Amino acid sequence: MQPTLPLDPRSARLLPWLVAIAFFMQTLDSTILNTALPAMALDLAEDPLRMQGVVIAYMLTVALLIPASGWIADRFGSRQIFVAAILLFSLGSLLCALSPRLDLLIAARVVQGLGGALMLPVGRLVVLRAYPRSEFVRIMAFIALPGLVGPLLGPTLGGWLVEYASWHWIFLINLPVGVLGCLAALRFMPDFKAALRPRFDTPGFLLFGAAMVLITIALEGLGELHMPHARVMLLLFCATACMAAYWLRAGRVEAPLFSPRLFRTRSFAVGILGNLFARLGGGALPFLVPLLLQVALGYSPAEAGISMIPLALGAMAVKSLAKPIIDRFGYRRLLLGNTLLLGGLIASLAGIGAHTPGWLLALHLGLVGTVNSLQFTAMNTITLIDLSDTEASSGNGLLSVVVQLSMSLGVAIAAALLGGFTMEADVLQAFRLTFLCVGAITMLAAALFAQLDPGPPGPEPRRPVEAGG
């Protein structure tokens, strides 16, 4: 990197807020849209079943571009790319709101996806490089919070905007936040660049990007697109072939997109695999719980939205406690116990029924939100904390890929289980069986975290890396 000026105290205070708000914009947008699709179809005179392309276009763009995010930030500078990401996301939002036809709306979502794919990876990379590792847990806990709150508020806010305003405001609300974000990024975002700038691994990017796109289409095929299983299996087979070709090639080239050498760091290897499997339950919750409340228990959309608030409150409550808890128990013991507890809490949602008191449901969901928030914070930090500055960009990019993939995989698995059980049992029983299975899958991830070293991870605390002015 190219150090020139140290990170001043005001920037050090405001930088986590800037990254957190950008993360919130992205996660809110990814869930707020689903509620508005029927209204958008009516206004655009389209079949509601064709509107899923609006969601998929964004997801495919993000899946394709995220692998290149680290190299792009190192090559052109973190500040320029972060500002460009917010501008692209805001421009895409404006174009979405102005779109008179479905094809134009899908094209605008691609522009929005270009920005969405860069915002969080670049922001998290800056945090990793700008602060001492002793502060990393606390800051990551703060940044992770909007990622938990956004998906919970999205469906409720989307329904409210459609009912009382119009679907256009789902996109227009991003504009003032985007303007403020750009101004703040220009003032407070440090500008990191790699001192050594290897050539972009174009063949590796094409192989890895193709695998991500194929996996994303296959997972959507299991859920919203209702593809035949044979077609889904073909897509997954092709994705596996592309991924295998990538890793075989990465082992023999000088500067691959993601180096296999990253996995020589045990905490990174365990963290990446743990993120992939332990996030399945957390990724399924925003999909399963509102469906359970509305479809099986007869809640209205507004009631279901209000019932989800304890999840967000629980996540907020544990934010300031994450660092002392991790310091007290260590990553290995915490992730072992917390993963088992999270899986158990998800499985115990099978006990919710029509006669469950409201206070008990709120308490239950609040506990799930608390444990889930602590899980995300611990997994993210253990994945990155041992990486050197030269490895940070590549490792952070791969973590972003895995997080994106695991959330989609969690929803796809939950939808597939729910659909299968619905054919064999009544609706409430199908939900109960699905929660039991998702909880069991989450608990199995504890076996991965058992492979962590029992000692404290991370290098000795170091002073923040200096940032370009």
Protein backbone atom coordinates (compact mmCIF):
# COMPACT_ATOMS: atom_id res chain seq x y z
CA MET A 1 0.00 0.00 0.00
CA GLN A 2 0.92 3.63 -0.31
CA PRO A 3 0.94 5.38 3.08
CA THR A 4 1.04 9.15 3.20
CA LEU A 5 -1.08 10.50 6.06
CA PRO A 6 -2.32 8.74 9.23
CA LEU A 7 -6.03 8.21 9.77
CA ASP A 8 -7.14 11.23 11.82
CA PRO A 9 -9.29 10.73 14.96
CA ARG A 10 -12.47 12.11 13.39
CA SER A 11 -12.15 9.81 10.37
CA ALA A 12 -11.44 6.89 12.70
CA ARG A 13 -14.74 7.57 14.51
CA LEU A 14 -16.88 8.13 11.41
CA LEU A 15 -15.46 5.51 9.06
CA PRO A 16 -17.36 2.57 10.68
CA TRP A 17 -20.60 4.56 10.39
CA LEU A 18 -19.94 5.17 6.71
CA VAL A 19 -19.34 1.49 5.96
CA ALA A 20 -22.30 0.43 8.13
CA ILE A 21 -24.71 2.77 6.34
CA ALA A 22 -23.54 1.52 2.94
CA PHE A 23 -24.04 -2.05 4.14
CA PHE A 24 -27.54 -1.15 5.34
CA MET A 25 -28.44 0.36 1.95
CA GLN A 26 -27.37 -2.83 0.22
CA THR A 27 -29.07 -5.32 2.55
CA LEU A 28 -32.27 -3.29 2.77
CA ASP A 29 -32.53 -3.03 -1.00
CA SER A 30 -32.07 -6.78 -1.44
CA THR A 31 -35.19 -7.54 0.64
CA ILE A 32 -37.43 -4.49 0.27
CA LEU A 33 -38.10 -5.26 -3.39
CA ASN A 34 -39.86 -8.61 -2.98
CA THR A 35 -42.92 -7.07 -1.33
CA ALA A 36 -43.36 -4.58 -4.18
CA LEU A 37 -43.07 -6.95 -7.15
CA PRO A 38 -46.86 -7.46 -7.62
CA ALA A 39 -47.51 -3.70 -7.59
CA MET A 40 -44.63 -3.12 -10.00
CA ALA A 41 -46.00 -5.78 -12.37
CA LEU A 42 -49.42 -4.12 -12.36
CA ASP A 43 -47.99 -0.67 -13.05
CA LEU A 44 -45.74 -1.96 -15.86
CA ALA A 45 -48.51 -4.15 -17.33
CA GLU A 46 -46.40 -7.28 -16.90
CA ASP A 47 -47.09 -10.80 -15.68
CA PRO A 48 -46.09 -10.93 -11.99
CA LEU A 49 -44.32 -14.23 -12.68
CA ARG A 50 -41.93 -12.45 -15.06
CA MET A 51 -40.89 -9.89 -12.44
CA GLN A 52 -38.40 -12.24 -10.79
CA GLY A 53 -35.88 -11.13 -13.43
CA VAL A 54 -35.64 -7.82 -11.54
CA VAL A 55 -34.26 -9.67 -8.50
CA ILE A 56 -32.11 -12.14 -10.43
CA ALA A 57 -30.42 -9.46 -12.56
CA TYR A 58 -29.11 -7.79 -9.40
CA MET A 59 -28.01 -11.05 -7.81
CA LEU A 60 -26.16 -12.23 -10.91
CA THR A 61 -24.33 -8.91 -11.26
CA VAL A 62 -23.23 -9.03 -7.64
CA ALA A 63 -22.18 -12.68 -7.93
CA LEU A 64 -20.09 -11.93 -11.02
CA LEU A 65 -18.34 -8.77 -9.79
CA ILE A 66 -17.64 -9.52 -6.11
CA PRO A 67 -14.63 -11.78 -6.90
CA ALA A 68 -12.88 -8.85 -8.60
CA SER A 69 -13.66 -6.30 -5.84
CA GLY A 70 -10.34 -6.67 -4.00
CA TRP A 71 -8.18 -6.27 -7.10
CA ILE A 72 -10.23 -3.26 -8.26
CA ALA A 73 -9.81 -1.52 -4.88
CA ASP A 74 -6.06 -2.22 -4.81
CA ARG A 75 -5.62 -1.01 -8.38
CA PHE A 76 -7.65 2.21 -8.34
CA GLY A 77 -7.76 3.08 -4.63
CA SER A 78 -10.30 2.34 -1.92
CA ARG A 79 -11.73 5.87 -1.77
CA GLN A 80 -12.35 6.19 -5.51
CA ILE A 81 -13.93 2.74 -5.75
CA PHE A 82 -16.11 3.19 -2.66
CA VAL A 83 -17.40 6.53 -3.97
CA ALA A 84 -17.93 5.00 -7.42
CA ALA A 85 -19.84 2.11 -5.83
CA ILE A 86 -22.22 4.47 -4.02
CA LEU A 87 -22.68 6.55 -7.18
CA LEU A 88 -23.44 3.47 -9.29
CA PHE A 89 -25.86 2.14 -6.69
CA SER A 90 -27.62 5.53 -6.47
CA LEU A 91 -27.68 5.99 -10.26
CA GLY A 92 -29.11 2.50 -10.68
CA SER A 93 -31.77 3.32 -8.07
CA LEU A 94 -32.76 6.48 -9.96
CA LEU A 95 -32.91 4.60 -13.28
CA CYS A 96 -35.05 1.90 -11.64
CA ALA A 97 -37.54 4.50 -10.42
CA LEU A 98 -37.71 6.11 -13.87
CA SER A 99 -38.02 2.83 -15.82
CA PRO A 100 -41.24 2.66 -17.89
CA ARG A 101 -40.65 -0.94 -19.11
CA LEU A 102 -39.50 -4.21 -17.61
CA ASP A 103 -36.43 -4.53 -19.84
CA LEU A 104 -35.22 -1.07 -18.82
CA LEU A 105 -35.89 -1.86 -15.17
CA ILE A 106 -33.77 -5.02 -15.42
CA ALA A 107 -30.95 -3.05 -17.08
CA ALA A 108 -31.13 -0.45 -14.28
CA ARG A 109 -30.87 -3.24 -11.69
CA VAL A 110 -27.64 -4.37 -13.36
CA VAL A 111 -26.22 -0.85 -12.87
CA GLN A 112 -27.37 -0.96 -9.26
CA GLY A 113 -25.73 -4.36 -8.83
CA LEU A 114 -22.39 -3.01 -10.06
CA GLY A 115 -22.36 -0.65 -7.09
CA GLY A 116 -23.79 -3.16 -4.64
CA ALA A 117 -21.08 -5.69 -5.43
CA LEU A 118 -18.32 -3.24 -4.41
CA MET A 119 -19.71 -1.34 -1.42
CA LEU A 120 -19.38 -3.88 1.38
CA PRO A 121 -16.19 -5.69 0.25
CA VAL A 122 -14.30 -2.43 -0.26
CA GLY A 123 -15.63 -0.95 2.98
CA ARG A 124 -14.66 -4.01 5.01
CA LEU A 125 -11.22 -4.09 3.37
CA VAL A 126 -10.61 -0.47 4.41
CA VAL A 127 -11.61 -1.29 8.00
CA LEU A 128 -9.26 -4.30 8.03
CA ARG A 129 -6.35 -2.11 6.94
CA ALA A 130 -7.15 1.09 8.83
CA TYR A 131 -7.47 -0.18 12.40
CA PRO A 132 -5.29 -2.26 14.72
CA ARG A 133 -6.39 -5.88 15.00
CA SER A 134 -7.20 -5.30 18.67
CA GLU A 135 -10.08 -3.03 17.51
CA PHE A 136 -11.22 -5.26 14.67
CA VAL A 137 -13.84 -7.25 16.61
CA ARG A 138 -15.55 -4.14 17.97
CA ILE A 139 -15.71 -2.40 14.61
CA MET A 140 -16.85 -5.50 12.73
CA ALA A 141 -19.63 -5.99 15.31
CA PHE A 142 -20.81 -2.45 14.59
CA ILE A 143 -20.67 -2.87 10.82
CA ALA A 144 -22.39 -6.27 10.85
CA LEU A 145 -25.46 -4.92 12.64
CA PRO A 146 -27.12 -3.26 9.61
CA GLY A 147 -26.72 -6.51 7.70
CA LEU A 148 -29.01 -8.14 10.26
CA VAL A 149 -31.48 -5.25 10.55
CA GLY A 150 -31.89 -4.54 6.82
CA PRO A 151 -33.47 -7.89 5.84
CA LEU A 152 -35.86 -7.67 8.78
CA LEU A 153 -37.09 -4.15 8.01
CA GLY A 154 -37.14 -4.61 4.23
CA PRO A 155 -40.41 -6.51 3.75
CA THR A 156 -42.33 -4.28 6.17
CA LEU A 157 -40.97 -1.02 4.73
CA GLY A 158 -41.57 -2.27 1.19
CA GLY A 159 -45.20 -3.07 1.94
CA TRP A 160 -45.72 0.30 3.63
CA LEU A 161 -44.23 2.27 0.71
CA VAL A 162 -46.29 0.37 -1.86
CA GLU A 163 -49.49 0.84 0.13
CA TYR A 164 -49.12 4.52 1.02
CA ALA A 165 -46.86 5.92 -1.74
CA SER A 166 -45.76 3.95 -4.85
CA TRP A 167 -43.19 1.32 -5.74
CA HIS A 168 -40.92 4.03 -7.16
CA TRP A 169 -40.09 5.19 -3.62
CA ILE A 170 -38.45 1.84 -2.89
CA PHE A 171 -35.62 3.09 -5.10
CA LEU A 172 -35.90 6.84 -4.57
CA ILE A 173 -35.20 6.56 -0.82
CA ASN A 174 -31.64 5.50 -1.74
CA LEU A 175 -30.84 8.85 -3.38
CA PRO A 176 -30.45 11.18 -0.37
CA VAL A 177 -28.53 8.47 1.50
CA GLY A 178 -26.30 8.01 -1.56
CA VAL A 179 -25.54 11.74 -1.84
CA LEU A 180 -24.62 11.98 1.85
CA GLY A 181 -22.58 8.78 1.57
CA CYS A 182 -20.56 10.13 -1.36
CA LEU A 183 -19.80 13.40 0.44
CA ALA A 184 -18.80 11.56 3.61
CA ALA A 185 -16.63 9.06 1.69
CA LEU A 186 -14.77 11.85 -0.09
CA ARG A 187 -14.03 13.43 3.28
CA PHE A 188 -13.42 10.49 5.62
CA MET A 189 -12.62 7.38 3.54
CA PRO A 190 -8.86 6.61 3.46
CA ASP A 191 -7.36 5.90 0.06
CA PHE A 192 -5.46 2.60 0.14
CA LYS A 193 -3.69 1.29 -2.93
CA ALA A 194 -1.49 -1.76 -3.35
CA ALA A 195 2.19 -0.93 -3.76
CA LEU A 196 2.55 -3.93 -6.07
CA ARG A 197 -0.18 -4.20 -8.67
CA PRO A 198 -0.19 -7.63 -10.32
CA ARG A 199 -1.98 -8.11 -13.61
CA PHE A 200 -5.64 -8.94 -13.33
CA ASP A 201 -6.26 -12.69 -13.46
CA THR A 202 -8.75 -12.56 -16.34
CA PRO A 203 -8.97 -16.34 -17.00
CA GLY A 204 -9.37 -16.97 -13.27
CA PHE A 205 -12.04 -14.28 -13.01
CA LEU A 206 -13.98 -15.78 -15.92
CA LEU A 207 -13.84 -19.28 -14.41
CA PHE A 208 -14.72 -18.17 -10.87
CA GLY A 209 -17.35 -15.69 -12.08
CA ALA A 210 -18.97 -18.32 -14.29
CA ALA A 211 -19.14 -20.70 -11.32
CA MET A 212 -20.78 -18.04 -9.13
CA VAL A 213 -23.33 -17.10 -11.79
CA LEU A 214 -24.22 -20.73 -12.48
CA ILE A 215 -24.60 -21.49 -8.76
CA THR A 216 -26.80 -18.40 -8.30
CA ILE A 217 -29.07 -19.39 -11.20
CA ALA A 218 -29.27 -22.96 -9.87
CA LEU A 219 -30.23 -21.77 -6.37
CA GLU A 220 -32.85 -19.43 -7.80
CA GLY A 221 -34.03 -22.36 -9.92
CA LEU A 222 -34.69 -24.38 -6.78
CA GLY A 223 -36.72 -21.51 -5.34
CA GLU A 224 -38.43 -18.75 -7.26
CA LEU A 225 -37.83 -19.98 -10.81
CA HIS A 226 -39.15 -23.51 -10.17
CA MET A 227 -36.74 -25.09 -12.64
CA PRO A 228 -36.84 -28.85 -13.25
CA HIS A 229 -34.41 -30.61 -10.93
CA ALA A 230 -32.48 -32.04 -13.88
CA ARG A 231 -31.71 -28.52 -15.12
CA VAL A 232 -30.65 -27.42 -11.64
CA MET A 233 -28.32 -30.41 -11.36
CA LEU A 234 -26.82 -29.63 -14.78
CA LEU A 235 -26.15 -26.03 -13.72
CA LEU A 236 -24.52 -27.18 -10.47
CA PHE A 237 -22.39 -29.71 -12.35
CA CYS A 238 -21.14 -27.01 -14.74
CA ALA A 239 -20.49 -24.68 -11.79
CA THR A 240 -18.48 -27.37 -10.02
CA ALA A 241 -16.41 -27.96 -13.16
CA CYS A 242 -15.64 -24.22 -13.48
CA MET A 243 -14.73 -23.99 -9.78
CA ALA A 244 -12.47 -27.06 -9.97
CA ALA A 245 -10.76 -25.64 -13.06
CA TYR A 246 -10.21 -22.35 -11.26
CA TRP A 247 -8.54 -23.89 -8.20
CA LEU A 248 -6.37 -26.21 -10.29
CA ARG A 249 -5.20 -23.21 -12.31
CA ALA A 250 -4.77 -20.98 -9.23
CA GLY A 251 -2.21 -23.36 -7.81
CA ARG A 252 0.22 -22.84 -10.68
CA VAL A 253 -0.08 -19.14 -11.61
CA GLU A 254 1.82 -16.33 -9.92
CA ALA A 255 -1.01 -13.97 -8.95
CA PRO A 256 -4.42 -15.72 -8.98
CA LEU A 257 -7.64 -13.95 -8.06
CA PHE A 258 -7.81 -15.97 -4.82
CA SER A 259 -4.62 -17.78 -3.91
CA PRO A 260 -4.74 -21.31 -2.46
CA ARG A 261 -2.00 -20.08 -0.11
CA LEU A 262 -4.69 -18.25 1.87
CA PHE A 263 -5.86 -21.61 3.20
CA ARG A 264 -2.49 -22.21 4.84
CA THR A 265 -3.75 -19.81 7.50
CA ARG A 266 -5.85 -22.15 9.65
CA SER A 267 -8.18 -19.49 11.06
CA PHE A 268 -8.97 -18.29 7.52
CA ALA A 269 -9.66 -21.80 6.22
CA VAL A 270 -11.91 -22.66 9.17
CA GLY A 271 -13.60 -19.26 9.02
CA ILE A 272 -14.40 -19.52 5.30
CA LEU A 273 -15.88 -23.02 5.59
CA GLY A 274 -17.64 -22.12 8.83
CA ASN A 275 -19.18 -19.04 7.23
CA LEU A 276 -20.45 -21.14 4.33
CA PHE A 277 -22.26 -23.69 6.49
CA ALA A 278 -23.10 -21.86 9.71
CA ARG A 279 -24.74 -18.97 7.81
CA LEU A 280 -27.29 -21.29 6.21
CA GLY A 281 -29.58 -21.02 9.24
CA GLY A 282 -29.17 -17.26 9.57
CA GLY A 283 -29.77 -16.82 5.84
CA ALA A 284 -32.97 -18.87 6.01
CA LEU A 285 -34.51 -16.98 8.95
CA PRO A 286 -35.68 -13.81 7.11
CA PHE A 287 -37.32 -16.12 4.55
CA LEU A 288 -38.87 -18.73 6.87
CA VAL A 289 -40.11 -16.73 9.87
CA PRO A 290 -42.36 -14.22 8.01
CA LEU A 291 -43.77 -17.10 5.95
CA LEU A 292 -44.49 -19.12 9.10
CA LEU A 293 -46.27 -16.20 10.74
CA GLN A 294 -48.37 -15.30 7.69
CA VAL A 295 -49.02 -18.59 5.91
CA ALA A 296 -49.23 -21.02 8.83
CA LEU A 297 -50.36 -18.80 11.72
CA GLY A 298 -52.52 -16.23 9.89
CA TYR A 299 -50.64 -13.06 10.80
CA SER A 300 -51.17 -10.00 8.60
CA PRO A 301 -48.08 -8.61 6.80
CA ALA A 302 -47.95 -5.72 9.27
CA GLU A 303 -48.25 -8.04 12.28
CA ALA A 304 -45.55 -10.31 10.88
CA GLY A 305 -43.27 -7.33 10.33
CA ILE A 306 -43.75 -6.09 13.89
CA SER A 307 -43.14 -9.60 15.21
CA MET A 308 -39.70 -9.60 13.54
CA ILE A 309 -38.55 -6.52 15.48
CA PRO A 310 -37.17 -8.56 18.44
CA LEU A 311 -34.69 -10.18 16.04
CA ALA A 312 -33.25 -6.76 15.26
CA LEU A 313 -33.35 -5.65 18.90
CA GLY A 314 -31.49 -8.77 19.98
CA ALA A 315 -28.83 -8.11 17.36
CA MET A 316 -28.43 -4.53 18.60
CA ALA A 317 -28.25 -5.57 22.25
CA VAL A 318 -25.22 -7.81 21.79
CA LYS A 319 -23.29 -5.40 19.54
CA SER A 320 -21.32 -3.71 22.31
CA LEU A 321 -20.77 -7.01 24.15
CA ALA A 322 -19.21 -8.96 21.28
CA LYS A 323 -15.60 -8.00 21.98
CA PRO A 324 -15.62 -8.72 25.75
CA ILE A 325 -17.43 -12.02 25.15
CA ILE A 326 -14.87 -13.10 22.54
CA ASP A 327 -12.01 -11.94 24.80
CA ARG A 328 -13.46 -13.93 27.68
CA PHE A 329 -14.10 -17.25 25.92
CA GLY A 330 -11.83 -17.15 22.86
CA TYR A 331 -12.92 -17.86 19.31
CA ARG A 332 -12.81 -21.66 19.48
CA ARG A 333 -14.96 -22.08 22.59
CA LEU A 334 -17.31 -19.27 21.64
CA LEU A 335 -17.94 -20.49 18.08
CA LEU A 336 -18.36 -24.09 19.21
CA GLY A 337 -20.94 -23.19 21.87
CA ASN A 338 -22.63 -20.39 19.95
CA THR A 339 -23.07 -22.48 16.78
CA LEU A 340 -24.72 -25.28 18.76
CA LEU A 341 -26.90 -22.75 20.58
CA LEU A 342 -27.91 -21.02 17.34
CA GLY A 343 -28.83 -24.32 15.70
CA GLY A 344 -30.80 -25.33 18.78
CA LEU A 345 -32.70 -22.03 18.85
CA ILE A 346 -33.55 -22.31 15.14
CA ALA A 347 -34.73 -25.91 15.63
CA SER A 348 -36.82 -24.86 18.63
CA LEU A 349 -38.81 -22.49 16.39
CA ALA A 350 -40.61 -25.70 15.42
CA GLY A 351 -42.47 -25.38 18.73
CA ILE A 352 -44.20 -22.14 17.69
CA GLY A 353 -47.92 -22.58 17.08
CA ALA A 354 -51.19 -20.72 17.02
CA HIS A 355 -51.38 -20.71 20.83
CA THR A 356 -47.84 -19.43 21.45
CA PRO A 357 -48.09 -16.24 23.58
CA GLY A 358 -46.85 -13.08 21.93
CA TRP A 359 -44.35 -12.38 24.71
CA LEU A 360 -42.83 -15.85 24.35
CA LEU A 361 -42.49 -15.46 20.57
CA ALA A 362 -40.82 -12.07 21.07
CA LEU A 363 -38.42 -13.51 23.67
CA HIS A 364 -37.58 -16.45 21.42
CA LEU A 365 -36.88 -14.31 18.36
CA GLY A 366 -34.88 -11.85 20.48
CA LEU A 367 -32.62 -14.69 21.66
CA VAL A 368 -32.20 -15.89 18.07
CA GLY A 369 -31.23 -12.36 16.97
CA THR A 370 -28.71 -12.02 19.80
CA VAL A 371 -26.99 -15.34 19.14
CA ASN A 372 -27.08 -14.86 15.35
CA SER A 373 -25.46 -11.42 15.60
CA LEU A 374 -22.67 -12.74 17.82
CA GLN A 375 -22.14 -15.64 15.41
CA PHE A 376 -21.74 -13.39 12.37
CA THR A 377 -19.32 -11.07 14.16
CA ALA A 378 -17.12 -13.90 15.47
CA MET A 379 -17.07 -15.73 12.12
CA ASN A 380 -16.15 -12.64 10.11
CA THR A 381 -13.36 -11.60 12.43
CA ILE A 382 -11.79 -15.07 12.83
CA THR A 383 -11.71 -15.36 9.04
CA LEU A 384 -9.73 -12.16 8.49
CA ILE A 385 -7.86 -11.40 11.69
CA ASP A 386 -4.76 -13.53 10.99
CA LEU A 387 -4.27 -12.36 7.40
CA SER A 388 -1.36 -10.05 6.58
CA ASP A 389 -2.00 -6.77 4.78
CA THR A 390 -0.85 -8.29 1.50
CA GLU A 391 -3.38 -11.12 1.88
CA ALA A 392 -6.20 -8.95 3.20
CA SER A 393 -7.61 -7.90 -0.17
CA SER A 394 -7.85 -11.41 -1.60
CA GLY A 395 -9.09 -12.97 1.66
CA ASN A 396 -11.73 -10.29 2.17
CA GLY A 397 -12.96 -10.75 -1.41
CA LEU A 398 -13.33 -14.49 -0.94
CA LEU A 399 -15.19 -13.94 2.35
CA SER A 400 -17.62 -11.63 0.53
CA VAL A 401 -18.20 -14.31 -2.10
CA VAL A 402 -18.88 -16.96 0.54
CA VAL A 403 -21.28 -14.72 2.48
CA GLN A 404 -23.25 -13.94 -0.68
CA LEU A 405 -23.33 -17.61 -1.63
CA SER A 406 -24.31 -18.90 1.80
CA MET A 407 -27.27 -16.51 2.15
CA SER A 408 -28.65 -17.61 -1.21
CA LEU A 409 -27.96 -21.24 -0.35
CA GLY A 410 -29.77 -20.90 2.99
CA VAL A 411 -32.94 -19.60 1.32
CA ALA A 412 -32.76 -22.23 -1.43
CA ILE A 413 -32.34 -25.10 1.04
CA ALA A 414 -35.14 -23.80 3.25
CA ALA A 415 -37.47 -23.37 0.25
CA ALA A 416 -36.64 -26.86 -1.06
CA LEU A 417 -37.21 -28.47 2.37
CA LEU A 418 -40.44 -26.56 2.90
CA GLY A 419 -41.74 -27.51 -0.55
CA GLY A 420 -40.87 -31.16 -0.02
CA PHE A 421 -42.44 -31.41 3.44
CA THR A 422 -45.59 -29.57 2.27
CA MET A 423 -46.34 -32.49 -0.06
CA GLU A 424 -46.24 -34.91 2.86
CA ALA A 425 -47.75 -32.95 5.77
CA ASP A 426 -49.96 -29.97 6.60
CA VAL A 427 -48.47 -26.50 6.32
CA LEU A 428 -47.63 -25.96 10.01
CA GLN A 429 -46.06 -29.42 10.29
CA ALA A 430 -44.00 -28.71 7.14
CA PHE A 431 -42.63 -25.55 8.74
CA ARG A 432 -41.79 -27.45 11.93
CA LEU A 433 -39.87 -30.13 10.05
CA THR A 434 -38.05 -27.45 8.03
CA PHE A 435 -36.93 -25.58 11.16
CA LEU A 436 -35.69 -28.84 12.70
CA CYS A 437 -33.63 -29.64 9.58
CA VAL A 438 -32.20 -26.12 9.21
CA GLY A 439 -31.29 -26.09 12.90
CA ALA A 440 -29.55 -29.46 12.61
CA ILE A 441 -27.57 -28.31 9.55
CA THR A 442 -26.43 -25.21 11.46
CA MET A 443 -25.33 -27.28 14.47
CA LEU A 444 -23.18 -29.50 12.25
CA ALA A 445 -21.00 -26.48 11.45
CA ALA A 446 -19.69 -26.66 15.03
CA ALA A 447 -17.47 -29.53 13.89
CA LEU A 448 -15.63 -27.06 11.64
CA PHE A 449 -14.99 -24.57 14.44
CA ALA A 450 -13.60 -27.38 16.59
CA GLN A 451 -10.59 -27.30 14.23
CA LEU A 452 -9.55 -23.84 15.45
CA ASP A 453 -6.45 -23.52 17.59
CA PRO A 454 -7.39 -23.08 21.26
CA GLY A 455 -5.09 -20.09 21.68
CA PRO A 456 -5.95 -16.46 20.84
CA PRO A 457 -5.72 -15.72 17.08
CA GLY A 458 -4.33 -12.73 15.33
CA PRO A 459 -0.96 -11.02 15.27
CA GLU A 460 0.19 -8.69 17.95
CA PRO A 461 -1.87 -5.48 17.97
CA ARG A 462 -0.34 -3.01 15.58
CA ARG A 463 -0.81 0.64 14.91
CA PRO A 464 -3.27 1.49 12.12
CA VAL A 465 -1.97 1.39 8.59
CA GLU A 466 -1.48 4.89 7.27
CA ALA A 467 -3.86 6.07 4.61
CA GLY A 468 -3.45 8.25 1.59
CA GLY A 469 -4.87 11.74 1.80
